[in-house]
């Protein structure tokens, strides 16, 4: 069994300590962009689970410059703990959905900040035109640049329900282009999507193994106030996973994932003022402690059931 500094999976914290020699924290930024699934290009209501904040509920205010956003977030974090390096995480909405000249300005502003050691850019695979990928590739020569793609699932029936707005073939093409440009890719997945079985989720994990991704986020489905998903939940159209079901599913996902893939998240942070269900998700530390305990008790670890294709 491989141990990643005492954890049974290849955690982001482990990877960052290996890469930078110390604990690293993220500053969450808002580039002031929208999303083709909100501005009418694809749709106007966004993905069914997405809050009005465009998954950037913890990000800084877009009214501030990138430099000022970084400064404020660093001040907030450093008041609580000694930190020396940060990742600039462009989180809110679709962070390559703007003219490349604008993207170059804000990403360069972030990457040139002496406190920033890497940038991570959350986006959609249908918003990665060639000039944007060339820009990210150039910036990657200065400091590490990671691209975070919101896939959620490989299953087209679920993708239609959540209004993802692009086919799996679009994701595949984006992966190929990003790999050719030498960029690391982190993929967002959601566990507990309505109608999906454990087998469906594991099929997504196995698919991503073959895609040779560098990182993954295993996100618990959150039902947030004001979303269309909340309306379906309150109408009784689906139920959410309980804590034991979720932990069991996460363990099975980790066991099937290639041990080289970095685990960036195993649960998620739903804004407490918006979270409708599951309410147990707000006790994140309890969930992590129970996950680690269960994996130890079961002799479980990332890659235990992984087979090289």
C-alpha atoms as a PDB file:
ATOM      1  CA  UNK A   1       0.000   0.000   0.000  1.00  0.00           C
ATOM      2  CA  UNK A   2       1.215   3.488  -0.889  1.00  0.00           C
ATOM      3  CA  UNK A   3       0.966   6.160   1.817  1.00  0.00           C
ATOM      4  CA  UNK A   4       0.949   9.804   0.846  1.00  0.00           C
ATOM      5  CA  UNK A   5       2.308  11.357   4.049  1.00  0.00           C
ATOM      6  CA  UNK A   6      -0.097   9.309   6.159  1.00  0.00           C
ATOM      7  CA  UNK A   7      -3.149   9.628   3.930  1.00  0.00           C
ATOM      8  CA  UNK A   8      -4.575   6.719   1.939  1.00  0.00           C
ATOM      9  CA  UNK A   9      -4.870   8.800  -1.209  1.00  0.00           C
ATOM     10  CA  UNK A  10      -2.722  11.151  -3.286  1.00  0.00           C
ATOM     11  CA  UNK A  11      -3.899  14.385  -1.708  1.00  0.00           C
ATOM     12  CA  UNK A  12      -3.422  17.892  -3.053  1.00  0.00           C
ATOM     13  CA  UNK A  13      -1.647  18.863   0.161  1.00  0.00           C
ATOM     14  CA  UNK A  14       0.878  16.073  -0.378  1.00  0.00           C
ATOM     15  CA  UNK A  15       1.491  17.120  -3.979  1.00  0.00           C
ATOM     16  CA  UNK A  16       1.931  20.794  -3.068  1.00  0.00           C
ATOM     17  CA  UNK A  17       4.399  20.010  -0.291  1.00  0.00           C
ATOM     18  CA  UNK A  18       6.368  17.850  -2.735  1.00  0.00           C
ATOM     19  CA  UNK A  19       6.326  20.609  -5.355  1.00  0.00           C
ATOM     20  CA  UNK A  20       6.858  23.709  -3.225  1.00  0.00           C
ATOM     21  CA  UNK A  21       8.260  22.354   0.038  1.00  0.00           C
ATOM     22  CA  UNK A  22       5.556  23.800   2.293  1.00  0.00           C
ATOM     23  CA  UNK A  23       1.849  24.207   2.931  1.00  0.00           C
ATOM     24  CA  UNK A  24       0.120  26.183   0.168  1.00  0.00           C
ATOM     25  CA  UNK A  25      -3.304  27.865   0.259  1.00  0.00           C
ATOM     26  CA  UNK A  26      -5.629  29.067  -2.492  1.00  0.00           C
ATOM     27  CA  UNK A  27      -6.889  32.595  -2.967  1.00  0.00           C
ATOM     28  CA  UNK A  28     -10.203  32.471  -4.834  1.00  0.00           C
ATOM     29  CA  UNK A  29     -10.548  35.131  -7.504  1.00  0.00           C
ATOM     30  CA  UNK A  30     -13.300  36.529  -9.688  1.00  0.00           C
ATOM     31  CA  UNK A  31     -12.323  37.600 -13.189  1.00  0.00           C
ATOM     32  CA  UNK A  32     -15.692  39.245 -13.827  1.00  0.00           C
ATOM     33  CA  UNK A  33     -16.774  36.782 -16.499  1.00  0.00           C
ATOM     34  CA  UNK A  34     -20.082  35.064 -17.120  1.00  0.00           C
ATOM     35  CA  UNK A  35     -20.846  31.719 -18.772  1.00  0.00           C
ATOM     36  CA  UNK A  36     -22.249  30.662 -22.175  1.00  0.00           C
ATOM     37  CA  UNK A  37     -24.819  28.691 -20.205  1.00  0.00           C
ATOM     38  CA  UNK A  38     -26.097  31.954 -18.695  1.00  0.00           C
ATOM     39  CA  UNK A  39     -25.678  34.694 -21.288  1.00  0.00           C
ATOM     40  CA  UNK A  40     -27.877  33.008 -23.902  1.00  0.00           C
ATOM     41  CA  UNK A  41     -25.202  31.474 -26.119  1.00  0.00           C
ATOM     42  CA  UNK A  42     -26.124  27.991 -24.862  1.00  0.00           C
ATOM     43  CA  UNK A  43     -28.695  28.736 -22.183  1.00  0.00           C
ATOM     44  CA  UNK A  44     -29.808  31.335 -19.691  1.00  0.00           C
ATOM     45  CA  UNK A  45     -30.341  29.427 -16.453  1.00  0.00           C
ATOM     46  CA  UNK A  46     -26.950  27.798 -16.033  1.00  0.00           C
ATOM     47  CA  UNK A  47     -26.332  24.233 -14.932  1.00  0.00           C
ATOM     48  CA  UNK A  48     -29.182  22.966 -12.790  1.00  0.00           C
ATOM     49  CA  UNK A  49     -27.060  22.839  -9.616  1.00  0.00           C
ATOM     50  CA  UNK A  50     -25.211  26.133 -10.054  1.00  0.00           C
ATOM     51  CA  UNK A  51     -25.924  29.012  -7.675  1.00  0.00           C
ATOM     52  CA  UNK A  52     -26.209  32.634  -8.741  1.00  0.00           C
ATOM     53  CA  UNK A  53     -22.533  32.990  -7.839  1.00  0.00           C
ATOM     54  CA  UNK A  54     -21.519  30.631 -10.633  1.00  0.00           C
ATOM     55  CA  UNK A  55     -19.758  28.196  -8.260  1.00  0.00           C
ATOM     56  CA  UNK A  56     -17.698  31.120  -7.022  1.00  0.00           C
ATOM     57  CA  UNK A  57     -19.577  31.783  -3.797  1.00  0.00           C
ATOM     58  CA  UNK A  58     -16.297  32.026  -1.890  1.00  0.00           C
ATOM     59  CA  UNK A  59     -14.495  34.134  -4.489  1.00  0.00           C
ATOM     60  CA  UNK A  60     -13.498  37.764  -4.034  1.00  0.00           C
ATOM     61  CA  UNK A  61     -15.437  40.660  -5.536  1.00  0.00           C
ATOM     62  CA  UNK A  62     -15.078  41.218  -9.282  1.00  0.00           C
ATOM     63  CA  UNK A  63     -15.219  44.973  -8.669  1.00  0.00           C
ATOM     64  CA  UNK A  64     -11.647  44.805  -7.349  1.00  0.00           C
ATOM     65  CA  UNK A  65      -8.500  44.432  -9.409  1.00  0.00           C
ATOM     66  CA  UNK A  66      -6.849  41.014  -9.395  1.00  0.00           C
ATOM     67  CA  UNK A  67      -3.996  42.452  -7.343  1.00  0.00           C
ATOM     68  CA  UNK A  68      -6.398  43.846  -4.752  1.00  0.00           C
ATOM     69  CA  UNK A  69      -8.380  40.594  -4.627  1.00  0.00           C
ATOM     70  CA  UNK A  70      -5.163  38.704  -3.952  1.00  0.00           C
ATOM     71  CA  UNK A  71      -4.075  41.215  -1.305  1.00  0.00           C
ATOM     72  CA  UNK A  72      -7.376  41.043   0.568  1.00  0.00           C
ATOM     73  CA  UNK A  73      -7.545  37.260   0.527  1.00  0.00           C
ATOM     74  CA  UNK A  74      -3.937  36.903   1.638  1.00  0.00           C
ATOM     75  CA  UNK A  75      -4.567  39.271   4.518  1.00  0.00           C
ATOM     76  CA  UNK A  76      -7.612  37.237   5.552  1.00  0.00           C
ATOM     77  CA  UNK A  77      -5.720  33.934   5.419  1.00  0.00           C
ATOM     78  CA  UNK A  78      -2.465  35.127   6.974  1.00  0.00           C
ATOM     79  CA  UNK A  79      -4.313  36.522   9.996  1.00  0.00           C
ATOM     80  CA  UNK A  80      -5.110  32.909  10.927  1.00  0.00           C
ATOM     81  CA  UNK A  81      -1.888  31.059  10.033  1.00  0.00           C
ATOM     82  CA  UNK A  82       1.646  31.611   8.724  1.00  0.00           C
ATOM     83  CA  UNK A  83       1.572  31.177   4.943  1.00  0.00           C
ATOM     84  CA  UNK A  84       4.178  32.165   2.367  1.00  0.00           C
ATOM     85  CA  UNK A  85       2.866  30.964  -0.994  1.00  0.00           C
ATOM     86  CA  UNK A  86      -0.531  30.875  -2.654  1.00  0.00           C
ATOM     87  CA  UNK A  87      -2.349  29.507  -5.673  1.00  0.00           C
ATOM     88  CA  UNK A  88      -4.453  32.027  -7.595  1.00  0.00           C
ATOM     89  CA  UNK A  89      -7.708  30.185  -8.244  1.00  0.00           C
ATOM     90  CA  UNK A  90      -9.996  31.769 -10.838  1.00  0.00           C
ATOM     91  CA  UNK A  91     -13.189  30.114  -9.662  1.00  0.00           C
ATOM     92  CA  UNK A  92     -16.363  32.045 -10.452  1.00  0.00           C
ATOM     93  CA  UNK A  93     -18.261  31.209 -13.665  1.00  0.00           C
ATOM     94  CA  UNK A  94     -16.243  30.361 -16.825  1.00  0.00           C
ATOM     95  CA  UNK A  95     -12.769  31.841 -16.621  1.00  0.00           C
ATOM     96  CA  UNK A  96     -11.739  31.598 -20.262  1.00  0.00           C
ATOM     97  CA  UNK A  97     -14.986  33.087 -21.562  1.00  0.00           C
ATOM     98  CA  UNK A  98     -13.620  36.487 -22.561  1.00  0.00           C
ATOM     99  CA  UNK A  99     -11.389  38.025 -25.247  1.00  0.00           C
ATOM    100  CA  UNK A 100      -7.889  36.607 -25.081  1.00  0.00           C
ATOM    101  CA  UNK A 101      -6.439  40.089 -24.580  1.00  0.00           C
ATOM    102  CA  UNK A 102      -8.435  40.499 -21.370  1.00  0.00           C
ATOM    103  CA  UNK A 103      -7.508  37.008 -20.198  1.00  0.00           C
ATOM    104  CA  UNK A 104      -3.840  37.732 -20.801  1.00  0.00           C
ATOM    105  CA  UNK A 105      -4.074  40.881 -18.683  1.00  0.00           C
ATOM    106  CA  UNK A 106      -5.729  39.341 -15.630  1.00  0.00           C
ATOM    107  CA  UNK A 107      -3.832  36.033 -15.707  1.00  0.00           C
ATOM    108  CA  UNK A 108      -0.515  37.834 -16.144  1.00  0.00           C
ATOM    109  CA  UNK A 109      -1.386  40.155 -13.263  1.00  0.00           C
ATOM    110  CA  UNK A 110      -1.930  37.101 -11.071  1.00  0.00           C
ATOM    111  CA  UNK A 111       1.072  35.101 -12.195  1.00  0.00           C
ATOM    112  CA  UNK A 112       3.476  38.020 -11.753  1.00  0.00           C
ATOM    113  CA  UNK A 113       2.422  38.536  -8.148  1.00  0.00           C
ATOM    114  CA  UNK A 114       5.384  37.437  -5.988  1.00  0.00           C
ATOM    115  CA  UNK A 115       3.103  35.682  -3.485  1.00  0.00           C
ATOM    116  CA  UNK A 116       1.547  33.488  -6.183  1.00  0.00           C
ATOM    117  CA  UNK A 117       3.284  30.205  -7.016  1.00  0.00           C
ATOM    118  CA  UNK A 118       0.706  28.815  -9.507  1.00  0.00           C
ATOM    119  CA  UNK A 119      -2.637  29.663 -11.071  1.00  0.00           C
ATOM    120  CA  UNK A 120      -5.641  27.392 -11.475  1.00  0.00           C
ATOM    121  CA  UNK A 121      -8.372  28.310 -13.947  1.00  0.00           C
ATOM    122  CA  UNK A 122     -11.885  26.921 -13.742  1.00  0.00           C
ATOM    123  CA  UNK A 123     -13.590  26.732 -17.129  1.00  0.00           C
ATOM    124  CA  UNK A 124     -15.626  24.677 -19.601  1.00  0.00           C
ATOM    125  CA  UNK A 125     -14.170  22.523 -22.384  1.00  0.00           C
ATOM    126  CA  UNK A 126     -16.272  24.404 -24.944  1.00  0.00           C
ATOM    127  CA  UNK A 127     -14.564  27.690 -23.983  1.00  0.00           C
ATOM    128  CA  UNK A 128     -10.983  26.793 -24.847  1.00  0.00           C
ATOM    129  CA  UNK A 129     -10.226  28.201 -28.264  1.00  0.00           C
ATOM    130  CA  UNK A 130      -6.744  27.787 -29.669  1.00  0.00           C
ATOM    131  CA  UNK A 131      -5.534  31.366 -28.862  1.00  0.00           C
ATOM    132  CA  UNK A 132      -6.559  30.846 -25.233  1.00  0.00           C
ATOM    133  CA  UNK A 133      -4.694  27.544 -25.006  1.00  0.00           C
ATOM    134  CA  UNK A 134      -1.598  29.174 -26.524  1.00  0.00           C
ATOM    135  CA  UNK A 135      -1.823  31.929 -23.895  1.00  0.00           C
ATOM    136  CA  UNK A 136      -2.082  29.416 -21.060  1.00  0.00           C
ATOM    137  CA  UNK A 137       0.833  27.460 -22.492  1.00  0.00           C
ATOM    138  CA  UNK A 138       3.001  30.600 -22.516  1.00  0.00           C
ATOM    139  CA  UNK A 139       2.068  31.457 -18.945  1.00  0.00           C
ATOM    140  CA  UNK A 140       2.844  27.884 -17.942  1.00  0.00           C
ATOM    141  CA  UNK A 141       6.485  28.618 -18.780  1.00  0.00           C
ATOM    142  CA  UNK A 142       6.517  31.276 -16.036  1.00  0.00           C
ATOM    143  CA  UNK A 143       4.701  29.431 -13.251  1.00  0.00           C
ATOM    144  CA  UNK A 144       2.510  26.313 -13.222  1.00  0.00           C
ATOM    145  CA  UNK A 145      -0.897  26.784 -14.839  1.00  0.00           C
ATOM    146  CA  UNK A 146      -3.655  24.250 -14.165  1.00  0.00           C
ATOM    147  CA  UNK A 147      -6.910  24.066 -16.093  1.00  0.00           C
ATOM    148  CA  UNK A 148      -9.976  22.869 -14.181  1.00  0.00           C
ATOM    149  CA  UNK A 149     -12.704  21.418 -16.392  1.00  0.00           C
ATOM    150  CA  UNK A 150     -16.280  20.957 -15.205  1.00  0.00           C
ATOM    151  CA  UNK A 151     -17.226  17.531 -16.567  1.00  0.00           C
ATOM    152  CA  UNK A 152     -19.394  16.225 -13.664  1.00  0.00           C
ATOM    153  CA  UNK A 153     -20.266  12.965 -15.492  1.00  0.00           C
ATOM    154  CA  UNK A 154     -19.549  11.066 -18.702  1.00  0.00           C
ATOM    155  CA  UNK A 155     -23.185   9.990 -19.065  1.00  0.00           C
ATOM    156  CA  UNK A 156     -25.140  11.954 -21.653  1.00  0.00           C
ATOM    157  CA  UNK A 157     -28.552  11.379 -20.039  1.00  0.00           C
ATOM    158  CA  UNK A 158     -27.305  12.973 -16.810  1.00  0.00           C
ATOM    159  CA  UNK A 159     -25.542  15.741 -18.732  1.00  0.00           C
ATOM    160  CA  UNK A 160     -28.838  16.659 -20.389  1.00  0.00           C
ATOM    161  CA  UNK A 161     -30.646  16.727 -17.041  1.00  0.00           C
ATOM    162  CA  UNK A 162     -28.055  19.009 -15.420  1.00  0.00           C
ATOM    163  CA  UNK A 163     -27.992  21.209 -18.567  1.00  0.00           C
ATOM    164  CA  UNK A 164     -24.241  20.895 -18.988  1.00  0.00           C
ATOM    165  CA  UNK A 165     -24.525  22.141 -22.539  1.00  0.00           C
ATOM    166  CA  UNK A 166     -21.809  20.211 -24.360  1.00  0.00           C
ATOM    167  CA  UNK A 167     -21.248  16.566 -25.442  1.00  0.00           C
ATOM    168  CA  UNK A 168     -18.525  14.278 -24.104  1.00  0.00           C
ATOM    169  CA  UNK A 169     -16.710  14.567 -27.446  1.00  0.00           C
ATOM    170  CA  UNK A 170     -16.120  18.258 -26.661  1.00  0.00           C
ATOM    171  CA  UNK A 171     -14.419  17.304 -23.406  1.00  0.00           C
ATOM    172  CA  UNK A 172     -12.273  14.752 -25.243  1.00  0.00           C
ATOM    173  CA  UNK A 173     -11.145  17.348 -27.783  1.00  0.00           C
ATOM    174  CA  UNK A 174     -10.294  19.860 -25.064  1.00  0.00           C
ATOM    175  CA  UNK A 175      -8.270  17.227 -23.207  1.00  0.00           C
ATOM    176  CA  UNK A 176      -6.299  16.446 -26.330  1.00  0.00           C
ATOM    177  CA  UNK A 177      -5.548  20.119 -26.997  1.00  0.00           C
ATOM    178  CA  UNK A 178      -4.540  20.805 -23.391  1.00  0.00           C
ATOM    179  CA  UNK A 179      -2.250  17.772 -23.283  1.00  0.00           C
ATOM    180  CA  UNK A 180      -0.600  18.825 -26.531  1.00  0.00           C
ATOM    181  CA  UNK A 181       0.023  22.246 -24.970  1.00  0.00           C
ATOM    182  CA  UNK A 182       1.652  20.656 -21.918  1.00  0.00           C
ATOM    183  CA  UNK A 183      -1.011  21.857 -19.480  1.00  0.00           C
ATOM    184  CA  UNK A 184      -2.122  19.943 -16.409  1.00  0.00           C
ATOM    185  CA  UNK A 185      -5.855  19.236 -16.189  1.00  0.00           C
ATOM    186  CA  UNK A 186      -8.030  18.868 -13.106  1.00  0.00           C
ATOM    187  CA  UNK A 187     -11.513  17.459 -13.710  1.00  0.00           C
ATOM    188  CA  UNK A 188     -14.580  18.275 -11.615  1.00  0.00           C
ATOM    189  CA  UNK A 189     -17.001  15.400 -11.015  1.00  0.00           C
ATOM    190  CA  UNK A 190     -20.203  15.296  -8.965  1.00  0.00           C
ATOM    191  CA  UNK A 191     -21.195  12.269  -6.909  1.00  0.00           C
ATOM    192  CA  UNK A 192     -24.883  11.718  -6.199  1.00  0.00           C
ATOM    193  CA  UNK A 193     -26.364  13.200  -9.360  1.00  0.00           C
ATOM    194  CA  UNK A 194     -30.053  12.270  -9.764  1.00  0.00           C
ATOM    195  CA  UNK A 195     -30.521   9.000 -11.584  1.00  0.00           C
ATOM    196  CA  UNK A 196     -26.892   7.892 -11.421  1.00  0.00           C
ATOM    197  CA  UNK A 197     -25.930   4.587  -9.839  1.00  0.00           C
ATOM    198  CA  UNK A 198     -22.630   3.731  -8.173  1.00  0.00           C
ATOM    199  CA  UNK A 199     -21.697   1.885 -11.367  1.00  0.00           C
ATOM    200  CA  UNK A 200     -22.330   5.041 -13.406  1.00  0.00           C
ATOM    201  CA  UNK A 201     -20.004   7.007 -11.119  1.00  0.00           C
ATOM    202  CA  UNK A 202     -17.279   4.349 -11.287  1.00  0.00           C
ATOM    203  CA  UNK A 203     -17.564   4.327 -15.081  1.00  0.00           C
ATOM    204  CA  UNK A 204     -16.785   8.052 -15.006  1.00  0.00           C
ATOM    205  CA  UNK A 205     -13.704   7.380 -12.841  1.00  0.00           C
ATOM    206  CA  UNK A 206     -12.455   4.655 -15.184  1.00  0.00           C
ATOM    207  CA  UNK A 207     -12.999   6.893 -18.194  1.00  0.00           C
ATOM    208  CA  UNK A 208     -10.932   9.634 -16.580  1.00  0.00           C
ATOM    209  CA  UNK A 209      -8.128   7.185 -15.803  1.00  0.00           C
ATOM    210  CA  UNK A 210      -7.823   6.609 -19.537  1.00  0.00           C
ATOM    211  CA  UNK A 211      -7.803  10.378 -20.173  1.00  0.00           C
ATOM    212  CA  UNK A 212      -4.537  10.707 -18.236  1.00  0.00           C
ATOM    213  CA  UNK A 213      -5.729  13.621 -16.136  1.00  0.00           C
ATOM    214  CA  UNK A 214      -3.454  15.083 -13.487  1.00  0.00           C
ATOM    215  CA  UNK A 215      -6.076  15.853 -10.838  1.00  0.00           C
ATOM    216  CA  UNK A 216      -9.699  15.298  -9.883  1.00  0.00           C
ATOM    217  CA  UNK A 217     -12.308  16.836  -7.618  1.00  0.00           C
ATOM    218  CA  UNK A 218     -14.875  14.453  -6.145  1.00  0.00           C
ATOM    219  CA  UNK A 219     -17.711  16.818  -5.300  1.00  0.00           C
ATOM    220  CA  UNK A 220     -20.743  15.839  -3.271  1.00  0.00           C
ATOM    221  CA  UNK A 221     -23.973  17.010  -4.906  1.00  0.00           C
ATOM    222  CA  UNK A 222     -25.174  20.062  -2.994  1.00  0.00           C
ATOM    223  CA  UNK A 223     -28.741  21.296  -3.281  1.00  0.00           C
ATOM    224  CA  UNK A 224     -28.476  25.075  -3.063  1.00  0.00           C
ATOM    225  CA  UNK A 225     -31.246  27.582  -2.552  1.00  0.00           C
ATOM    226  CA  UNK A 226     -32.432  29.373  -5.694  1.00  0.00           C
ATOM    227  CA  UNK A 227     -31.341  26.651  -8.120  1.00  0.00           C
ATOM    228  CA  UNK A 228     -33.574  24.562 -10.359  1.00  0.00           C
ATOM    229  CA  UNK A 229     -32.093  21.506  -8.662  1.00  0.00           C
ATOM    230  CA  UNK A 230     -33.575  22.769  -5.389  1.00  0.00           C
ATOM    231  CA  UNK A 231     -37.027  22.928  -6.993  1.00  0.00           C
ATOM    232  CA  UNK A 232     -36.734  19.299  -8.125  1.00  0.00           C
ATOM    233  CA  UNK A 233     -35.505  18.226  -4.694  1.00  0.00           C
ATOM    234  CA  UNK A 234     -38.330  19.993  -2.889  1.00  0.00           C
ATOM    235  CA  UNK A 235     -40.793  18.394  -5.308  1.00  0.00           C
ATOM    236  CA  UNK A 236     -39.496  14.977  -4.236  1.00  0.00           C
ATOM    237  CA  UNK A 237     -38.021  14.065  -7.616  1.00  0.00           C
ATOM    238  CA  UNK A 238     -34.789  12.708  -6.114  1.00  0.00           C
ATOM    239  CA  UNK A 239     -33.075  12.141  -2.790  1.00  0.00           C
ATOM    240  CA  UNK A 240     -29.545  13.052  -1.742  1.00  0.00           C
ATOM    241  CA  UNK A 241     -26.917  10.636  -0.457  1.00  0.00           C
ATOM    242  CA  UNK A 242     -26.632  10.170   3.280  1.00  0.00           C
ATOM    243  CA  UNK A 243     -23.196  10.467   4.842  1.00  0.00           C
ATOM    244  CA  UNK A 244     -22.486   6.733   4.970  1.00  0.00           C
ATOM    245  CA  UNK A 245     -23.543   6.240   1.350  1.00  0.00           C
ATOM    246  CA  UNK A 246     -21.336   9.098   0.229  1.00  0.00           C
ATOM    247  CA  UNK A 247     -18.275   7.935   2.132  1.00  0.00           C
ATOM    248  CA  UNK A 248     -18.682   4.426   0.733  1.00  0.00           C
ATOM    249  CA  UNK A 249     -18.944   5.837  -2.798  1.00  0.00           C
ATOM    250  CA  UNK A 250     -15.876   8.061  -2.346  1.00  0.00           C
ATOM    251  CA  UNK A 251     -13.857   5.073  -1.113  1.00  0.00           C
ATOM    252  CA  UNK A 252     -14.878   3.038  -4.147  1.00  0.00           C
ATOM    253  CA  UNK A 253     -13.964   5.928  -6.463  1.00  0.00           C
ATOM    254  CA  UNK A 254     -10.547   6.326  -4.842  1.00  0.00           C
ATOM    255  CA  UNK A 255      -9.865   2.615  -5.082  1.00  0.00           C
ATOM    256  CA  UNK A 256     -10.560   2.687  -8.831  1.00  0.00           C
ATOM    257  CA  UNK A 257      -8.562   5.838  -9.576  1.00  0.00           C
ATOM    258  CA  UNK A 258      -5.004   5.744 -10.907  1.00  0.00           C
ATOM    259  CA  UNK A 259      -2.749   6.473  -7.883  1.00  0.00           C
ATOM    260  CA  UNK A 260      -0.860   9.093  -9.908  1.00  0.00           C
ATOM    261  CA  UNK A 261      -3.984  11.300 -10.065  1.00  0.00           C
ATOM    262  CA  UNK A 262      -3.972  14.027  -7.422  1.00  0.00           C
ATOM    263  CA  UNK A 263      -7.148  14.214  -5.337  1.00  0.00           C
ATOM    264  CA  UNK A 264      -8.008  17.905  -5.058  1.00  0.00           C
ATOM    265  CA  UNK A 265     -11.286  17.381  -3.214  1.00  0.00           C
ATOM    266  CA  UNK A 266     -13.296  14.554  -1.646  1.00  0.00           C
ATOM    267  CA  UNK A 267     -16.401  16.426  -0.510  1.00  0.00           C
ATOM    268  CA  UNK A 268     -16.808  20.169  -1.131  1.00  0.00           C
ATOM    269  CA  UNK A 269     -17.877  23.314   0.668  1.00  0.00           C
ATOM    270  CA  UNK A 270     -21.491  24.346   0.146  1.00  0.00           C
ATOM    271  CA  UNK A 271     -22.245  27.882   1.352  1.00  0.00           C
ATOM    272  CA  UNK A 272     -24.080  27.355   4.639  1.00  0.00           C
ATOM    273  CA  UNK A 273     -26.532  30.171   3.934  1.00  0.00           C
ATOM    274  CA  UNK A 274     -27.553  28.475   0.648  1.00  0.00           C
ATOM    275  CA  UNK A 275     -27.271  24.781   1.513  1.00  0.00           C
ATOM    276  CA  UNK A 276     -30.615  22.963   1.582  1.00  0.00           C
ATOM    277  CA  UNK A 277     -29.333  19.385   1.486  1.00  0.00           C
ATOM    278  CA  UNK A 278     -27.546  17.336   2.580  1.00  0.00           C
ATOM    279  CA  UNK A 279     -27.083  19.269   5.817  1.00  0.00           C
ATOM    280  CA  UNK A 280     -24.445  16.857   7.091  1.00  0.00           C
ATOM    281  CA  UNK A 281     -22.163  18.215   4.351  1.00  0.00           C
ATOM    282  CA  UNK A 282     -21.597  21.399   6.352  1.00  0.00           C
ATOM    283  CA  UNK A 283     -19.561  19.390   8.895  1.00  0.00           C
ATOM    284  CA  UNK A 284     -16.658  18.878   6.542  1.00  0.00           C
ATOM    285  CA  UNK A 285     -14.052  17.972   9.176  1.00  0.00           C
ATOM    286  CA  UNK A 286     -16.271  15.180  10.493  1.00  0.00           C
ATOM    287  CA  UNK A 287     -16.707  13.815   6.982  1.00  0.00           C
ATOM    288  CA  UNK A 288     -12.955  13.799   6.301  1.00  0.00           C
ATOM    289  CA  UNK A 289     -12.158  12.180   9.650  1.00  0.00           C
ATOM    290  CA  UNK A 290     -14.736   9.461   9.051  1.00  0.00           C
ATOM    291  CA  UNK A 291     -13.483   8.870   5.501  1.00  0.00           C
ATOM    292  CA  UNK A 292      -9.892   8.426   6.689  1.00  0.00           C
ATOM    293  CA  UNK A 293     -11.016   6.164   9.548  1.00  0.00           C
ATOM    294  CA  UNK A 294     -13.127   3.976   7.261  1.00  0.00           C
ATOM    295  CA  UNK A 295     -10.320   3.619   4.727  1.00  0.00           C
ATOM    296  CA  UNK A 296      -7.884   2.609   7.453  1.00  0.00           C
ATOM    297  CA  UNK A 297     -10.339   0.078   8.894  1.00  0.00           C
ATOM    298  CA  UNK A 298     -10.971  -1.428   5.451  1.00  0.00           C
ATOM    299  CA  UNK A 299      -7.340  -1.420   4.359  1.00  0.00           C
ATOM    300  CA  UNK A 300      -8.419   0.804   1.493  1.00  0.00           C
ATOM    301  CA  UNK A 301      -6.231   3.135  -0.552  1.00  0.00           C
ATOM    302  CA  UNK A 302      -6.215   4.966  -3.863  1.00  0.00           C
ATOM    303  CA  UNK A 303      -5.613   2.599  -6.744  1.00  0.00           C
ATOM    304  CA  UNK A 304      -6.398  -0.595  -4.822  1.00  0.00           C
ATOM    305  CA  UNK A 305      -8.785  -1.696  -7.578  1.00  0.00           C
ATOM    306  CA  UNK A 306      -7.053   0.192 -10.393  1.00  0.00           C
ATOM    307  CA  UNK A 307      -5.964  -1.786 -13.433  1.00  0.00           C
ATOM    308  CA  UNK A 308      -3.816  -0.274 -16.146  1.00  0.00           C
ATOM    309  CA  UNK A 309      -5.631  -0.168 -19.480  1.00  0.00           C
END
